[in-house]
Protein backbone atom coordinates (compact mmCIF):
# COMPACT_ATOMS: atom_id res chain seq x y z
CA UNK A 1 16.94 1.32 -28.53
CA UNK A 2 18.97 2.98 -25.78
CA UNK A 3 20.52 -0.43 -25.12
CA UNK A 4 22.42 -0.24 -28.42
CA UNK A 5 22.73 3.50 -29.05
CA UNK A 6 24.24 4.45 -25.67
CA UNK A 7 27.05 1.84 -25.76
CA UNK A 8 27.85 2.69 -29.39
CA UNK A 9 28.03 6.41 -28.63
CA UNK A 10 30.03 5.69 -25.48
CA UNK A 11 32.61 3.76 -27.51
CA UNK A 12 32.74 6.60 -30.04
CA UNK A 13 33.26 9.14 -27.25
CA UNK A 14 35.93 6.99 -25.59
CA UNK A 15 37.82 6.66 -28.88
CA UNK A 16 37.54 10.41 -29.51
CA UNK A 17 38.78 11.16 -25.99
CA UNK A 18 41.65 8.73 -26.47
CA UNK A 19 42.62 10.32 -29.77
CA UNK A 20 42.57 13.79 -28.20
CA UNK A 21 44.59 12.56 -25.21
CA UNK A 22 47.18 11.21 -27.65
CA UNK A 23 47.43 14.46 -29.59
CA UNK A 24 47.71 16.51 -26.41
CA UNK A 25 50.23 14.01 -24.96
CA UNK A 26 52.43 14.43 -28.05
CA UNK A 27 52.41 18.20 -27.63
CA UNK A 28 53.14 17.96 -23.91
CA UNK A 29 55.98 15.47 -24.21
CA UNK A 30 57.91 16.42 -27.33
CA UNK A 31 56.32 18.86 -29.79
CA UNK A 32 56.51 21.90 -27.53
CA UNK A 33 59.98 20.87 -26.30
CA UNK A 34 61.11 20.66 -29.91
CA UNK A 35 59.66 24.07 -30.74
CA UNK A 36 61.31 25.52 -27.63
CA UNK A 37 64.72 24.46 -28.96
CA UNK A 38 64.28 26.59 -32.07
CA UNK A 39 65.15 30.28 -32.19
CA UNK A 40 62.09 32.25 -31.03
CA UNK A 41 61.16 33.52 -34.49
CA UNK A 42 61.24 30.01 -35.96
CA UNK A 43 59.33 28.51 -33.03
CA UNK A 44 56.67 31.21 -33.28
CA UNK A 45 56.30 30.70 -37.03
CA UNK A 46 56.08 26.92 -36.64
CA UNK A 47 53.42 27.11 -33.90
CA UNK A 48 51.45 29.69 -35.87
CA UNK A 49 51.42 27.26 -38.82
CA UNK A 50 50.42 24.34 -36.56
CA UNK A 51 47.53 26.37 -35.13
CA UNK A 52 46.23 27.22 -38.61
CA UNK A 53 46.43 23.57 -39.68
CA UNK A 54 44.70 22.40 -36.48
CA UNK A 55 41.53 24.41 -37.04
CA UNK A 56 41.20 23.45 -40.67
CA UNK A 57 41.68 19.70 -40.43
CA UNK A 58 40.61 16.41 -38.96
CA UNK A 59 41.79 17.48 -35.49
CA UNK A 60 39.00 20.04 -35.15
CA UNK A 61 36.41 17.55 -36.41
CA UNK A 62 37.38 14.90 -33.85
CA UNK A 63 37.64 17.53 -31.09
CA UNK A 64 34.18 18.98 -31.78
CA UNK A 65 32.41 15.71 -32.58
CA UNK A 66 33.70 14.17 -29.36
CA UNK A 67 32.35 17.16 -27.43
CA UNK A 68 28.96 16.81 -29.11
CA UNK A 69 28.77 13.07 -28.42
CA UNK A 70 29.80 13.62 -24.78
CA UNK A 71 27.18 16.35 -24.38
CA UNK A 72 24.53 14.09 -25.89
CA UNK A 73 25.53 11.19 -23.65
CA UNK A 74 25.45 13.39 -20.57
CA UNK A 75 21.97 14.64 -21.41
CA UNK A 76 20.69 11.15 -22.25
CA UNK A 77 21.94 9.89 -18.89
CA UNK A 78 18.84 11.30 -17.26
CA UNK A 79 16.95 8.23 -18.52
CA UNK A 80 19.33 5.78 -16.85
CA UNK A 81 20.60 7.79 -13.88
CA UNK A 82 20.24 5.06 -11.26
CA UNK A 83 22.90 2.79 -12.75
CA UNK A 84 26.59 2.64 -11.91
CA UNK A 85 27.43 2.68 -15.63
CA UNK A 86 25.63 6.00 -16.03
CA UNK A 87 27.63 7.58 -13.22
CA UNK A 88 30.92 6.49 -14.84
CA UNK A 89 29.71 7.72 -18.23
CA UNK A 90 28.69 11.12 -16.86
CA UNK A 91 32.05 11.49 -15.11
CA UNK A 92 33.84 10.64 -18.35
CA UNK A 93 31.78 13.09 -20.34
CA UNK A 94 32.34 15.81 -17.74
CA UNK A 95 36.09 15.18 -17.75
CA UNK A 96 36.22 15.70 -21.50
CA UNK A 97 33.80 18.60 -21.68
CA UNK A 98 35.42 20.51 -18.82
CA UNK A 99 39.04 19.37 -18.95
CA UNK A 100 39.31 19.05 -22.72
CA UNK A 101 36.80 21.36 -24.34
CA UNK A 102 36.40 24.19 -21.79
CA UNK A 103 40.11 24.34 -20.96
CA UNK A 104 40.90 24.57 -24.67
CA UNK A 105 38.38 27.35 -25.25
CA UNK A 106 39.22 29.30 -22.10
CA UNK A 107 43.00 28.94 -21.95
CA UNK A 108 44.70 27.49 -25.04
CA UNK A 109 42.71 29.22 -27.79
CA UNK A 110 43.15 32.73 -26.33
CA UNK A 111 46.90 32.13 -26.15
CA UNK A 112 46.84 30.86 -29.74
CA UNK A 113 45.03 34.03 -30.80
CA UNK A 114 47.67 36.19 -29.11
CA UNK A 115 50.39 34.16 -30.79
CA UNK A 116 48.71 34.57 -34.18
CA UNK A 117 48.99 38.35 -33.81
CA UNK A 118 52.61 38.22 -32.64
CA UNK A 119 55.27 39.44 -35.05
CA UNK A 120 58.06 36.89 -34.81
CA UNK A 121 60.74 39.54 -35.35
CA UNK A 122 59.42 42.07 -32.81
CA UNK A 123 61.67 43.13 -29.91
CA UNK A 124 59.43 41.41 -27.35
CA UNK A 125 58.88 38.24 -29.38
CA UNK A 126 61.35 36.08 -27.44
CA UNK A 127 59.76 37.01 -24.10
CA UNK A 128 56.24 36.57 -25.45
CA UNK A 129 57.21 33.21 -26.91
CA UNK A 130 58.72 32.01 -23.61
CA UNK A 131 55.52 33.00 -21.76
CA UNK A 132 53.38 31.31 -24.42
CA UNK A 133 55.39 28.08 -24.19
CA UNK A 134 55.08 27.97 -20.41
CA UNK A 135 51.40 28.87 -20.11
CA UNK A 136 50.11 27.00 -23.15
CA UNK A 137 51.98 23.83 -22.25
CA UNK A 138 50.78 23.90 -18.62
CA UNK A 139 47.16 24.04 -19.79
CA UNK A 140 47.90 21.36 -22.38
CA UNK A 141 49.01 19.05 -19.57
CA UNK A 142 45.57 19.58 -17.99
CA UNK A 143 43.89 18.69 -21.28
CA UNK A 144 46.03 15.58 -21.66
CA UNK A 145 45.17 14.23 -18.21
CA UNK A 146 41.48 15.16 -18.55
CA UNK A 147 41.09 13.47 -21.94
CA UNK A 148 42.90 10.34 -20.80
CA UNK A 149 40.74 10.20 -17.67
CA UNK A 150 37.63 10.70 -19.81
CA UNK A 151 38.57 7.79 -22.07
CA UNK A 152 39.20 5.52 -19.08
CA UNK A 153 35.95 6.51 -17.36
CA UNK A 154 33.92 6.02 -20.52
CA UNK A 155 35.38 2.57 -21.11
CA UNK A 156 34.78 1.76 -17.44
CA UNK A 157 31.12 2.63 -17.92
CA UNK A 158 30.80 -0.13 -20.52
CA UNK A 159 31.59 -2.96 -18.09
């Protein structure tokens, strides 16, 4: 049974990691740059709206389901630990869980919560927005690389 379930779940995890890498890549390469070009109040309002949409849509489902599948694969790897494929799979799962999931929870979400409370027309809004753009985007780069690496490692484990 593990002979069919593990590869199927590994493909599902690799696809989820690839989807997340693509979303994060888009934010790193042009979404945040586009928002930065707007006046601070408009950029803040746009990102606040994006953050609300992100947690109520398909994005959150793929993000969480991929984490659950990676966690399950990592745990199930105890049964096949001696194989090279298992080592690649565990590395891929760890890359997503740490670099995608933990980084999001520890660094991007807290910044999103601060942004949600920010009044776009406050005197400090422009400075707060500039700091948000810099910090959030730096951590998003980490997520992008980690999710891409996870997808590659997971696919590598299927060889």
